[in-house]
Amino acid sequence: PVSSRIFCGGLPQTCDDAKLHTYFSRFGVLTDAKVMQDRATNRSRGFGYVSFADAHTCEVTLAQGSHIMDDKIIEVKRCEERGSAVLQGRQFGGALAPAQQFGGGAPPPQQLA
């Protein structure tokens, strides 16, 4: 199933839940809009999530291109659902497969027979 949820990054510090909801509700009906807060300081962490009532509205929002809030371009990407193939293929912790590790530009060692 196609996700109807988006990630919004690079939000201005002036953005709260209500402002995020107001901005994205111009594209269609929302079910949720949440700016993530730092628990210690209660300040915005600069990103949030928006959930739309239907996947089509989400597609329209993503197709819009750049989004600007308070003279700041915000990054908007589709959220991947938990358990999706995209997330299951992603490795956390920065570990790379041996073929992807940086070798300092040196060619791989030759195997001697």
PDB file of N, CA and C in Angstrom:
ATOM      1  N   PRO A   1       0.830  -1.206   0.000  1.00  0.00           N
ATOM      2  CA  PRO A   1       0.000   0.000   0.000  1.00  0.00           C
ATOM      3  C   PRO A   1       0.867   1.260   0.000  1.00  0.00           C
ATOM      4  N   VAL A   2       0.377   2.275  -0.673  1.00  0.00           N
ATOM      5  CA  VAL A   2       1.093   3.552  -0.753  1.00  0.00           C
ATOM      6  C   VAL A   2       0.844   4.336   0.522  1.00  0.00           C
ATOM      7  N   SER A   3       1.920   4.897   1.077  1.00  0.00           N
ATOM      8  CA  SER A   3       1.816   5.658   2.310  1.00  0.00           C
ATOM      9  C   SER A   3       1.108   6.990   2.061  1.00  0.00           C
ATOM     10  N   SER A   4       0.328   7.421   3.021  1.00  0.00           N
ATOM     11  CA  SER A   4      -0.310   8.736   2.935  1.00  0.00           C
ATOM     12  C   SER A   4       0.291   9.660   3.993  1.00  0.00           C
ATOM     13  N   ARG A   5       1.540   9.370   4.371  1.00  0.00           N
ATOM     14  CA  ARG A   5       2.234  10.135   5.403  1.00  0.00           C
ATOM     15  C   ARG A   5       3.534  10.683   4.819  1.00  0.00           C
ATOM     16  N   ILE A   6       3.855  11.924   5.182  1.00  0.00           N
ATOM     17  CA  ILE A   6       5.081  12.536   4.703  1.00  0.00           C
ATOM     18  C   ILE A   6       5.949  13.014   5.861  1.00  0.00           C
ATOM     19  N   PHE A   7       7.249  13.064   5.587  1.00  0.00           N
ATOM     20  CA  PHE A   7       8.237  13.627   6.493  1.00  0.00           C
ATOM     21  C   PHE A   7       8.492  15.056   6.034  1.00  0.00           C
ATOM     22  N   CYS A   8       8.560  15.986   6.972  1.00  0.00           N
ATOM     23  CA  CYS A   8       8.841  17.390   6.666  1.00  0.00           C
ATOM     24  C   CYS A   8      10.095  17.782   7.440  1.00  0.00           C
ATOM     25  N   GLY A   9      11.178  18.035   6.737  1.00  0.00           N
ATOM     26  CA  GLY A   9      12.435  18.381   7.377  1.00  0.00           C
ATOM     27  C   GLY A   9      12.828  19.824   7.120  1.00  0.00           C
ATOM     28  N   GLY A  10      13.683  20.348   7.982  1.00  0.00           N
ATOM     29  CA  GLY A  10      14.140  21.728   7.823  1.00  0.00           C
ATOM     30  C   GLY A  10      13.080  22.745   8.176  1.00  0.00           C
ATOM     31  N   LEU A  11      12.192  22.391   9.097  1.00  0.00           N
ATOM     32  CA  LEU A  11      11.125  23.316   9.495  1.00  0.00           C
ATOM     33  C   LEU A  11      11.709  24.498  10.262  1.00  0.00           C
ATOM     34  N   PRO A  12      11.138  25.697  10.047  1.00  0.00           N
ATOM     35  CA  PRO A  12      11.607  26.852  10.821  1.00  0.00           C
ATOM     36  C   PRO A  12      11.231  26.689  12.300  1.00  0.00           C
ATOM     37  N   GLN A  13      11.972  27.335  13.179  1.00  0.00           N
ATOM     38  CA  GLN A  13      11.701  27.253  14.619  1.00  0.00           C
ATOM     39  C   GLN A  13      10.325  27.825  14.971  1.00  0.00           C
ATOM     40  N   THR A  14       9.772  28.653  14.090  1.00  0.00           N
ATOM     41  CA  THR A  14       8.456  29.251  14.335  1.00  0.00           C
ATOM     42  C   THR A  14       7.319  28.277  14.048  1.00  0.00           C
ATOM     43  N   CYS A  15       7.632  27.107  13.503  1.00  0.00           N
ATOM     44  CA  CYS A  15       6.592  26.150  13.112  1.00  0.00           C
ATOM     45  C   CYS A  15       6.184  25.281  14.296  1.00  0.00           C
ATOM     46  N   ASP A  16       4.874  25.237  14.536  1.00  0.00           N
ATOM     47  CA  ASP A  16       4.317  24.338  15.543  1.00  0.00           C
ATOM     48  C   ASP A  16       3.297  23.428  14.855  1.00  0.00           C
ATOM     49  N   ASP A  17       2.618  22.581  15.633  1.00  0.00           N
ATOM     50  CA  ASP A  17       1.646  21.647  15.052  1.00  0.00           C
ATOM     51  C   ASP A  17       0.574  22.372  14.251  1.00  0.00           C
ATOM     52  N   ALA A  18       0.058  23.461  14.792  1.00  0.00           N
ATOM     53  CA  ALA A  18      -1.026  24.194  14.137  1.00  0.00           C
ATOM     54  C   ALA A  18      -0.569  24.791  12.811  1.00  0.00           C
ATOM     55  N   LYS A  19       0.629  25.352  12.796  1.00  0.00           N
ATOM     56  CA  LYS A  19       1.152  25.963  11.568  1.00  0.00           C
ATOM     57  C   LYS A  19       1.404  24.892  10.503  1.00  0.00           C
ATOM     58  N   LEU A  20       1.937  23.745  10.920  1.00  0.00           N
ATOM     59  CA  LEU A  20       2.176  22.640   9.993  1.00  0.00           C
ATOM     60  C   LEU A  20       0.848  22.159   9.414  1.00  0.00           C
ATOM     61  N   HIS A  21      -0.160  22.040  10.272  1.00  0.00           N
ATOM     62  CA  HIS A  21      -1.488  21.604   9.835  1.00  0.00           C
ATOM     63  C   HIS A  21      -2.091  22.612   8.854  1.00  0.00           C
ATOM     64  N   THR A  22      -1.997  23.882   9.184  1.00  0.00           N
ATOM     65  CA  THR A  22      -2.560  24.920   8.319  1.00  0.00           C
ATOM     66  C   THR A  22      -1.893  24.909   6.948  1.00  0.00           C
ATOM     67  N   TYR A  23      -0.567  24.802   6.917  1.00  0.00           N
ATOM     68  CA  TYR A  23       0.155  24.819   5.644  1.00  0.00           C
ATOM     69  C   TYR A  23      -0.252  23.653   4.755  1.00  0.00           C
ATOM     70  N   PHE A  24      -0.233  22.434   5.293  1.00  0.00           N
ATOM     71  CA  PHE A  24      -0.487  21.263   4.451  1.00  0.00           C
ATOM     72  C   PHE A  24      -1.966  20.979   4.214  1.00  0.00           C
ATOM     73  N   SER A  25      -2.856  21.570   4.995  1.00  0.00           N
ATOM     74  CA  SER A  25      -4.293  21.345   4.768  1.00  0.00           C
ATOM     75  C   SER A  25      -4.768  22.017   3.477  1.00  0.00           C
ATOM     76  N   ARG A  26      -3.949  22.903   2.906  1.00  0.00           N
ATOM     77  CA  ARG A  26      -4.327  23.503   1.612  1.00  0.00           C
ATOM     78  C   ARG A  26      -4.336  22.464   0.499  1.00  0.00           C
ATOM     79  N   PHE A  27      -3.665  21.332   0.705  1.00  0.00           N
ATOM     80  CA  PHE A  27      -3.611  20.289  -0.316  1.00  0.00           C
ATOM     81  C   PHE A  27      -4.742  19.278  -0.164  1.00  0.00           C
ATOM     82  N   GLY A  28      -5.340  19.198   1.029  1.00  0.00           N
ATOM     83  CA  GLY A  28      -6.424  18.253   1.259  1.00  0.00           C
ATOM     84  C   GLY A  28      -6.616  18.006   2.742  1.00  0.00           C
ATOM     85  N   VAL A  29      -7.449  17.024   3.046  1.00  0.00           N
ATOM     86  CA  VAL A  29      -7.799  16.710   4.425  1.00  0.00           C
ATOM     87  C   VAL A  29      -6.651  15.977   5.118  1.00  0.00           C
ATOM     88  N   LEU A  30      -6.290  16.468   6.314  1.00  0.00           N
ATOM     89  CA  LEU A  30      -5.244  15.844   7.109  1.00  0.00           C
ATOM     90  C   LEU A  30      -5.855  15.050   8.251  1.00  0.00           C
ATOM     91  N   THR A  31      -5.163  13.983   8.647  1.00  0.00           N
ATOM     92  CA  THR A  31      -5.585  13.252   9.838  1.00  0.00           C
ATOM     93  C   THR A  31      -4.666  13.570  11.006  1.00  0.00           C
ATOM     94  N   ASP A  32      -3.448  14.101  10.702  1.00  0.00           N
ATOM     95  CA  ASP A  32      -2.514  14.433  11.767  1.00  0.00           C
ATOM     96  C   ASP A  32      -1.401  15.320  11.220  1.00  0.00           C
ATOM     97  N   ALA A  33      -0.886  16.193  12.063  1.00  0.00           N
ATOM     98  CA  ALA A  33       0.282  17.021  11.740  1.00  0.00           C
ATOM     99  C   ALA A  33       1.030  17.236  13.046  1.00  0.00           C
ATOM    100  N   LYS A  34       2.277  16.788  13.093  1.00  0.00           N
ATOM    101  CA  LYS A  34       3.022  16.809  14.351  1.00  0.00           C
ATOM    102  C   LYS A  34       4.458  17.275  14.118  1.00  0.00           C
ATOM    103  N   VAL A  35       4.859  18.336  14.841  1.00  0.00           N
ATOM    104  CA  VAL A  35       6.240  18.799  14.852  1.00  0.00           C
ATOM    105  C   VAL A  35       6.912  18.109  16.029  1.00  0.00           C
ATOM    106  N   MET A  36       8.049  17.493  15.784  1.00  0.00           N
ATOM    107  CA  MET A  36       8.748  16.769  16.844  1.00  0.00           C
ATOM    108  C   MET A  36       9.471  17.765  17.745  1.00  0.00           C
ATOM    109  N   GLN A  37       9.335  17.555  19.061  1.00  0.00           N
ATOM    110  CA  GLN A  37       9.895  18.463  20.058  1.00  0.00           C
ATOM    111  C   GLN A  37      11.030  17.785  20.826  1.00  0.00           C
ATOM    112  N   ASP A  38      12.007  18.576  21.238  1.00  0.00           N
ATOM    113  CA  ASP A  38      13.058  18.105  22.129  1.00  0.00           C
ATOM    114  C   ASP A  38      12.431  17.989  23.515  1.00  0.00           C
ATOM    115  N   ARG A  39      12.513  16.834  24.130  1.00  0.00           N
ATOM    116  CA  ARG A  39      11.848  16.620  25.425  1.00  0.00           C
ATOM    117  C   ARG A  39      12.447  17.469  26.536  1.00  0.00           C
ATOM    118  N   ALA A  40      13.742  17.734  26.453  1.00  0.00           N
ATOM    119  CA  ALA A  40      14.412  18.489  27.519  1.00  0.00           C
ATOM    120  C   ALA A  40      14.103  19.981  27.435  1.00  0.00           C
ATOM    121  N   THR A  41      14.109  20.525  26.218  1.00  0.00           N
ATOM    122  CA  THR A  41      13.946  21.983  26.064  1.00  0.00           C
ATOM    123  C   THR A  41      12.557  22.377  25.564  1.00  0.00           C
ATOM    124  N   ASN A  42      11.783  21.406  25.089  1.00  0.00           N
ATOM    125  CA  ASN A  42      10.456  21.638  24.522  1.00  0.00           C
ATOM    126  C   ASN A  42      10.506  22.517  23.264  1.00  0.00           C
ATOM    127  N   ARG A  43      11.672  22.584  22.624  1.00  0.00           N
ATOM    128  CA  ARG A  43      11.808  23.334  21.379  1.00  0.00           C
ATOM    129  C   ARG A  43      11.676  22.376  20.203  1.00  0.00           C
ATOM    130  N   SER A  44      11.328  22.930  19.039  1.00  0.00           N
ATOM    131  CA  SER A  44      11.205  22.139  17.825  1.00  0.00           C
ATOM    132  C   SER A  44      12.539  21.504  17.472  1.00  0.00           C
ATOM    133  N   ARG A  45      12.485  20.266  16.997  1.00  0.00           N
ATOM    134  CA  ARG A  45      13.689  19.583  16.517  1.00  0.00           C
ATOM    135  C   ARG A  45      13.898  19.850  15.027  1.00  0.00           C
ATOM    136  N   GLY A  46      12.998  20.629  14.419  1.00  0.00           N
ATOM    137  CA  GLY A  46      13.158  21.025  13.022  1.00  0.00           C
ATOM    138  C   GLY A  46      12.577  20.062  12.002  1.00  0.00           C
ATOM    139  N   PHE A  47      11.815  19.084  12.479  1.00  0.00           N
ATOM    140  CA  PHE A  47      11.151  18.184  11.538  1.00  0.00           C
ATOM    141  C   PHE A  47       9.822  17.726  12.116  1.00  0.00           C
ATOM    142  N   GLY A  48       8.997  17.172  11.239  1.00  0.00           N
ATOM    143  CA  GLY A  48       7.694  16.697  11.679  1.00  0.00           C
ATOM    144  C   GLY A  48       7.098  15.749  10.660  1.00  0.00           C
ATOM    145  N   TYR A  49       5.866  15.336  10.926  1.00  0.00           N
ATOM    146  CA  TYR A  49       5.166  14.388  10.063  1.00  0.00           C
ATOM    147  C   TYR A  49       3.752  14.876   9.828  1.00  0.00           C
ATOM    148  N   VAL A  50       3.275  14.628   8.618  1.00  0.00           N
ATOM    149  CA  VAL A  50       1.905  14.981   8.255  1.00  0.00           C
ATOM    150  C   VAL A  50       1.252  13.738   7.669  1.00  0.00           C
ATOM    151  N   SER A  51       0.042  13.436   8.128  1.00  0.00           N
ATOM    152  CA  SER A  51      -0.726  12.308   7.595  1.00  0.00           C
ATOM    153  C   SER A  51      -1.956  12.842   6.886  1.00  0.00           C
ATOM    154  N   PHE A  52      -2.161  12.375   5.665  1.00  0.00           N
ATOM    155  CA  PHE A  52      -3.312  12.791   4.867  1.00  0.00           C
ATOM    156  C   PHE A  52      -4.413  11.742   4.951  1.00  0.00           C
ATOM    157  N   ALA A  53      -5.643  12.170   4.706  1.00  0.00           N
ATOM    158  CA  ALA A  53      -6.781  11.266   4.758  1.00  0.00           C
ATOM    159  C   ALA A  53      -6.719  10.236   3.630  1.00  0.00           C
ATOM    160  N   ASP A  54      -6.077  10.583   2.506  1.00  0.00           N
ATOM    161  CA  ASP A  54      -5.977   9.630   1.401  1.00  0.00           C
ATOM    162  C   ASP A  54      -4.623   9.759   0.700  1.00  0.00           C
ATOM    163  N   ALA A  55      -4.226   8.695   0.033  1.00  0.00           N
ATOM    164  CA  ALA A  55      -2.922   8.635  -0.625  1.00  0.00           C
ATOM    165  C   ALA A  55      -2.830   9.610  -1.798  1.00  0.00           C
ATOM    166  N   HIS A  56      -3.934   9.874  -2.479  1.00  0.00           N
ATOM    167  CA  HIS A  56      -3.905  10.792  -3.628  1.00  0.00           C
ATOM    168  C   HIS A  56      -3.473  12.198  -3.202  1.00  0.00           C
ATOM    169  N   THR A  57      -3.995  12.664  -2.088  1.00  0.00           N
ATOM    170  CA  THR A  57      -3.615  13.989  -1.588  1.00  0.00           C
ATOM    171  C   THR A  57      -2.132  14.029  -1.259  1.00  0.00           C
ATOM    172  N   CYS A  58      -1.619  12.943  -0.732  1.00  0.00           N
ATOM    173  CA  CYS A  58      -0.200  12.843  -0.444  1.00  0.00           C
ATOM    174  C   CYS A  58       0.607  12.963  -1.738  1.00  0.00           C
ATOM    175  N   GLU A  59       0.170  12.280  -2.787  1.00  0.00           N
ATOM    176  CA  GLU A  59       0.859  12.338  -4.083  1.00  0.00           C
ATOM    177  C   GLU A  59       0.860  13.760  -4.640  1.00  0.00           C
ATOM    178  N   VAL A  60      -0.274  14.439  -4.542  1.00  0.00           N
ATOM    179  CA  VAL A  60      -0.375  15.815  -5.026  1.00  0.00           C
ATOM    180  C   VAL A  60       0.601  16.721  -4.278  1.00  0.00           C
ATOM    181  N   THR A  61       0.699  16.526  -2.979  1.00  0.00           N
ATOM    182  CA  THR A  61       1.609  17.326  -2.151  1.00  0.00           C
ATOM    183  C   THR A  61       3.061  17.086  -2.548  1.00  0.00           C
ATOM    184  N   LEU A  62       3.436  15.832  -2.748  1.00  0.00           N
ATOM    185  CA  LEU A  62       4.798  15.492  -3.141  1.00  0.00           C
ATOM    186  C   LEU A  62       5.125  16.025  -4.536  1.00  0.00           C
ATOM    187  N   ALA A  63       4.136  16.016  -5.426  1.00  0.00           N
ATOM    188  CA  ALA A  63       4.342  16.492  -6.801  1.00  0.00           C
ATOM    189  C   ALA A  63       4.488  18.005  -6.873  1.00  0.00           C
ATOM    190  N   GLN A  64       4.091  18.686  -5.827  1.00  0.00           N
ATOM    191  CA  GLN A  64       4.142  20.149  -5.777  1.00  0.00           C
ATOM    192  C   GLN A  64       5.560  20.675  -5.963  1.00  0.00           C
ATOM    193  N   GLY A  65       6.538  19.882  -5.600  1.00  0.00           N
ATOM    194  CA  GLY A  65       7.930  20.342  -5.694  1.00  0.00           C
ATOM    195  C   GLY A  65       8.356  20.968  -4.392  1.00  0.00           C
ATOM    196  N   SER A  66       8.930  22.160  -4.477  1.00  0.00           N
ATOM    197  CA  SER A  66       9.442  22.782  -3.257  1.00  0.00           C
ATOM    198  C   SER A  66       8.317  23.402  -2.431  1.00  0.00           C
ATOM    199  N   HIS A  67       8.497  23.321  -1.135  1.00  0.00           N
ATOM    200  CA  HIS A  67       7.552  23.901  -0.190  1.00  0.00           C
ATOM    201  C   HIS A  67       8.310  24.933   0.633  1.00  0.00           C
ATOM    202  N   ILE A  68       7.709  26.091   0.834  1.00  0.00           N
ATOM    203  CA  ILE A  68       8.360  27.179   1.560  1.00  0.00           C
ATOM    204  C   ILE A  68       7.470  27.617   2.712  1.00  0.00           C
ATOM    205  N   MET A  69       8.065  27.660   3.904  1.00  0.00           N
ATOM    206  CA  MET A  69       7.354  28.104   5.095  1.00  0.00           C
ATOM    207  C   MET A  69       8.228  29.155   5.790  1.00  0.00           C
ATOM    208  N   ASP A  70       7.684  30.324   6.017  1.00  0.00           N
ATOM    209  CA  ASP A  70       8.423  31.430   6.644  1.00  0.00           C
ATOM    210  C   ASP A  70       9.755  31.692   5.932  1.00  0.00           C
ATOM    211  N   ASP A  71       9.691  31.766   4.607  1.00  0.00           N
ATOM    212  CA  ASP A  71      10.861  32.037   3.765  1.00  0.00           C
ATOM    213  C   ASP A  71      11.945  30.971   3.859  1.00  0.00           C
ATOM    214  N   LYS A  72      11.581  29.777   4.286  1.00  0.00           N
ATOM    215  CA  LYS A  72      12.542  28.686   4.393  1.00  0.00           C
ATOM    216  C   LYS A  72      12.028  27.488   3.592  1.00  0.00           C
ATOM    217  N   ILE A  73      12.902  26.958   2.732  1.00  0.00           N
ATOM    218  CA  ILE A  73      12.510  25.774   1.959  1.00  0.00           C
ATOM    219  C   ILE A  73      12.524  24.572   2.894  1.00  0.00           C
ATOM    220  N   ILE A  74      11.430  23.827   2.892  1.00  0.00           N
ATOM    221  CA  ILE A  74      11.359  22.634   3.724  1.00  0.00           C
ATOM    222  C   ILE A  74      11.413  21.396   2.839  1.00  0.00           C
ATOM    223  N   GLU A  75      12.034  20.378   3.363  1.00  0.00           N
ATOM    224  CA  GLU A  75      12.179  19.107   2.645  1.00  0.00           C
ATOM    225  C   GLU A  75      10.944  18.258   2.917  1.00  0.00           C
ATOM    226  N   VAL A  76      10.347  17.735   1.854  1.00  0.00           N
ATOM    227  CA  VAL A  76       9.153  16.910   1.996  1.00  0.00           C
ATOM    228  C   VAL A  76       9.395  15.584   1.284  1.00  0.00           C
ATOM    229  N   LYS A  77       9.290  14.489   2.051  1.00  0.00           N
ATOM    230  CA  LYS A  77       9.507  13.154   1.491  1.00  0.00           C
ATOM    231  C   LYS A  77       8.427  12.205   1.985  1.00  0.00           C
ATOM    232  N   ARG A  78       8.176  11.174   1.194  1.00  0.00           N
ATOM    233  CA  ARG A  78       7.214  10.149   1.593  1.00  0.00           C
ATOM    234  C   ARG A  78       7.788   9.325   2.742  1.00  0.00           C
ATOM    235  N   CYS A  79       6.960   9.036   3.710  1.00  0.00           N
ATOM    236  CA  CYS A  79       7.364   8.143   4.791  1.00  0.00           C
ATOM    237  C   CYS A  79       7.204   6.708   4.306  1.00  0.00           C
ATOM    238  N   GLU A  80       8.160   5.876   4.672  1.00  0.00           N
ATOM    239  CA  GLU A  80       8.051   4.458   4.373  1.00  0.00           C
ATOM    240  C   GLU A  80       7.386   3.779   5.564  1.00  0.00           C
ATOM    241  N   GLU A  81       6.442   2.916   5.278  1.00  0.00           N
ATOM    242  CA  GLU A  81       5.737   2.216   6.343  1.00  0.00           C
ATOM    243  C   GLU A  81       6.662   1.215   7.019  1.00  0.00           C
ATOM    244  N   ARG A  82       6.493   1.017   8.303  1.00  0.00           N
ATOM    245  CA  ARG A  82       7.284   0.028   9.025  1.00  0.00           C
ATOM    246  C   ARG A  82       7.084  -1.335   8.374  1.00  0.00           C
ATOM    247  N   GLY A  83       8.183  -2.053   8.201  1.00  0.00           N
ATOM    248  CA  GLY A  83       8.105  -3.379   7.592  1.00  0.00           C
ATOM    249  C   GLY A  83       8.179  -3.340   6.077  1.00  0.00           C
ATOM    250  N   SER A  84       8.320  -2.136   5.482  1.00  0.00           N
ATOM    251  CA  SER A  84       8.391  -2.046   4.024  1.00  0.00           C
ATOM    252  C   SER A  84       9.723  -2.591   3.530  1.00  0.00           C
ATOM    253  N   ALA A  85       9.771  -2.978   2.266  1.00  0.00           N
ATOM    254  CA  ALA A  85      10.994  -3.513   1.676  1.00  0.00           C
ATOM    255  C   ALA A  85      12.108  -2.474   1.717  1.00  0.00           C
ATOM    256  N   VAL A  86      11.769  -1.211   1.562  1.00  0.00           N
ATOM    257  CA  VAL A  86      12.777  -0.155   1.587  1.00  0.00           C
ATOM    258  C   VAL A  86      13.451  -0.097   2.949  1.00  0.00           C
ATOM    259  N   LEU A  87      12.663  -0.128   4.015  1.00  0.00           N
ATOM    260  CA  LEU A  87      13.232  -0.059   5.356  1.00  0.00           C
ATOM    261  C   LEU A  87      13.954  -1.346   5.733  1.00  0.00           C
ATOM    262  N   GLN A  88      13.450  -2.498   5.289  1.00  0.00           N
ATOM    263  CA  GLN A  88      14.095  -3.758   5.641  1.00  0.00           C
ATOM    264  C   GLN A  88      15.451  -3.886   4.965  1.00  0.00           C
ATOM    265  N   GLY A  89      15.642  -3.260   3.815  1.00  0.00           N
ATOM    266  CA  GLY A  89      16.908  -3.320   3.112  1.00  0.00           C
ATOM    267  C   GLY A  89      17.921  -2.323   3.622  1.00  0.00           C
ATOM    268  N   ARG A  90      17.485  -1.388   4.445  1.00  0.00           N
ATOM    269  CA  ARG A  90      18.365  -0.350   4.972  1.00  0.00           C
ATOM    270  C   ARG A  90      19.116  -0.881   6.183  1.00  0.00           C
ATOM    271  N   GLN A  91      20.420  -0.594   6.239  1.00  0.00           N
ATOM    272  CA  GLN A  91      21.218  -1.013   7.386  1.00  0.00           C
ATOM    273  C   GLN A  91      21.455   0.188   8.277  1.00  0.00           C
ATOM    274  N   PHE A  92      21.274   0.005   9.576  1.00  0.00           N
ATOM    275  CA  PHE A  92      21.493   1.089  10.518  1.00  0.00           C
ATOM    276  C   PHE A  92      22.862   0.933  11.170  1.00  0.00           C
ATOM    277  N   GLY A  93      23.415   2.016  11.652  1.00  0.00           N
ATOM    278  CA  GLY A  93      24.696   1.962  12.325  1.00  0.00           C
ATOM    279  C   GLY A  93      25.867   2.238  11.410  1.00  0.00           C
ATOM    280  N   GLY A  94      25.603   2.540  10.153  1.00  0.00           N
ATOM    281  CA  GLY A  94      26.666   2.911   9.238  1.00  0.00           C
ATOM    282  C   GLY A  94      27.452   1.743   8.691  1.00  0.00           C
ATOM    283  N   ALA A  95      27.043   0.528   8.936  1.00  0.00           N
ATOM    284  CA  ALA A  95      27.771  -0.627   8.418  1.00  0.00           C
ATOM    285  C   ALA A  95      27.514  -0.772   6.929  1.00  0.00           C
ATOM    286  N   LEU A  96      28.583  -0.964   6.179  1.00  0.00           N
ATOM    287  CA  LEU A  96      28.462  -1.150   4.742  1.00  0.00           C
ATOM    288  C   LEU A  96      28.909  -2.554   4.378  1.00  0.00           C
ATOM    289  N   ALA A  97      28.384  -3.041   3.276  1.00  0.00           N
ATOM    290  CA  ALA A  97      28.827  -4.333   2.771  1.00  0.00           C
ATOM    291  C   ALA A  97      30.293  -4.203   2.364  1.00  0.00           C
ATOM    292  N   PRO A  98      31.077  -5.275   2.433  1.00  0.00           N
ATOM    293  CA  PRO A  98      32.504  -5.187   2.118  1.00  0.00           C
ATOM    294  C   PRO A  98      32.796  -4.515   0.777  1.00  0.00           C
ATOM    295  N   ALA A  99      31.990  -4.745  -0.229  1.00  0.00           N
ATOM    296  CA  ALA A  99      32.235  -4.154  -1.545  1.00  0.00           C
ATOM    297  C   ALA A  99      32.026  -2.647  -1.534  1.00  0.00           C
ATOM    298  N   GLN A 100      31.320  -2.126  -0.531  1.00  0.00           N
ATOM    299  CA  GLN A 100      31.020  -0.705  -0.480  1.00  0.00           C
ATOM    300  C   GLN A 100      31.953   0.058   0.451  1.00  0.00           C
ATOM    301  N   GLN A 101      32.816  -0.616   1.170  1.00  0.00           N
ATOM    302  CA  GLN A 101      33.686   0.064   2.116  1.00  0.00           C
ATOM    303  C   GLN A 101      34.743   0.864   1.382  1.00  0.00           C
ATOM    304  N   PHE A 102      35.110   1.991   1.943  1.00  0.00           N
ATOM    305  CA  PHE A 102      36.117   2.846   1.339  1.00  0.00           C
ATOM    306  C   PHE A 102      37.480   2.231   1.579  1.00  0.00           C
ATOM    307  N   GLY A 103      38.239   2.093   0.519  1.00  0.00           N
ATOM    308  CA  GLY A 103      39.548   1.463   0.642  1.00  0.00           C
ATOM    309  C   GLY A 103      40.682   2.430   0.430  1.00  0.00           C
ATOM    310  N   GLY A 104      40.420   3.729   0.524  1.00  0.00           N
ATOM    311  CA  GLY A 104      41.473   4.708   0.364  1.00  0.00           C
ATOM    312  C   GLY A 104      41.958   4.847  -1.058  1.00  0.00           C
ATOM    313  N   GLY A 105      41.196   4.360  -2.014  1.00  0.00           N
ATOM    314  CA  GLY A 105      41.568   4.494  -3.416  1.00  0.00           C
ATOM    315  C   GLY A 105      42.501   3.400  -3.895  1.00  0.00           C
ATOM    316  N   ALA A 106      42.951   2.546  -3.014  1.00  0.00           N
ATOM    317  CA  ALA A 106      43.840   1.468  -3.414  1.00  0.00           C
ATOM    318  C   ALA A 106      43.044   0.348  -4.064  1.00  0.00           C
ATOM    319  N   PRO A 107      43.622  -0.299  -5.088  1.00  0.00           N
ATOM    320  CA  PRO A 107      42.902  -1.414  -5.702  1.00  0.00           C
ATOM    321  C   PRO A 107      42.823  -2.577  -4.713  1.00  0.00           C
ATOM    322  N   PRO A 108      41.858  -3.463  -4.891  1.00  0.00           N
ATOM    323  CA  PRO A 108      41.738  -4.604  -3.982  1.00  0.00           C
ATOM    324  C   PRO A 108      42.994  -5.481  -4.079  1.00  0.00           C
ATOM    325  N   PRO A 109      43.387  -6.101  -2.980  1.00  0.00           N
ATOM    326  CA  PRO A 109      44.598  -6.941  -3.024  1.00  0.00           C
ATOM    327  C   PRO A 109      44.400  -8.120  -3.977  1.00  0.00           C
ATOM    328  N   GLN A 110      45.468  -8.480  -4.656  1.00  0.00           N
ATOM    329  CA  GLN A 110      45.417  -9.606  -5.598  1.00  0.00           C
ATOM    330  C   GLN A 110      45.572 -10.911  -4.837  1.00  0.00           C
ATOM    331  N   GLN A 111      44.824 -11.874  -5.255  1.00  0.00           N
ATOM    332  CA  GLN A 111      44.935 -13.192  -4.653  1.00  0.00           C
ATOM    333  C   GLN A 111      46.071 -13.955  -5.343  1.00  0.00           C
ATOM    334  N   LEU A 112      46.996 -14.449  -4.575  1.00  0.00           N
ATOM    335  CA  LEU A 112      48.091 -15.216  -5.149  1.00  0.00           C
ATOM    336  C   LEU A 112      47.753 -16.687  -5.105  1.00  0.00           C
ATOM    337  N   ALA A 113      48.033 -17.383  -6.206  1.00  0.00           N
ATOM    338  CA  ALA A 113      47.690 -18.805  -6.275  1.00  0.00           C
ATOM    339  C   ALA A 113      48.814 -19.666  -5.786  1.00  0.00           C
TER     340      ALA A 113
END
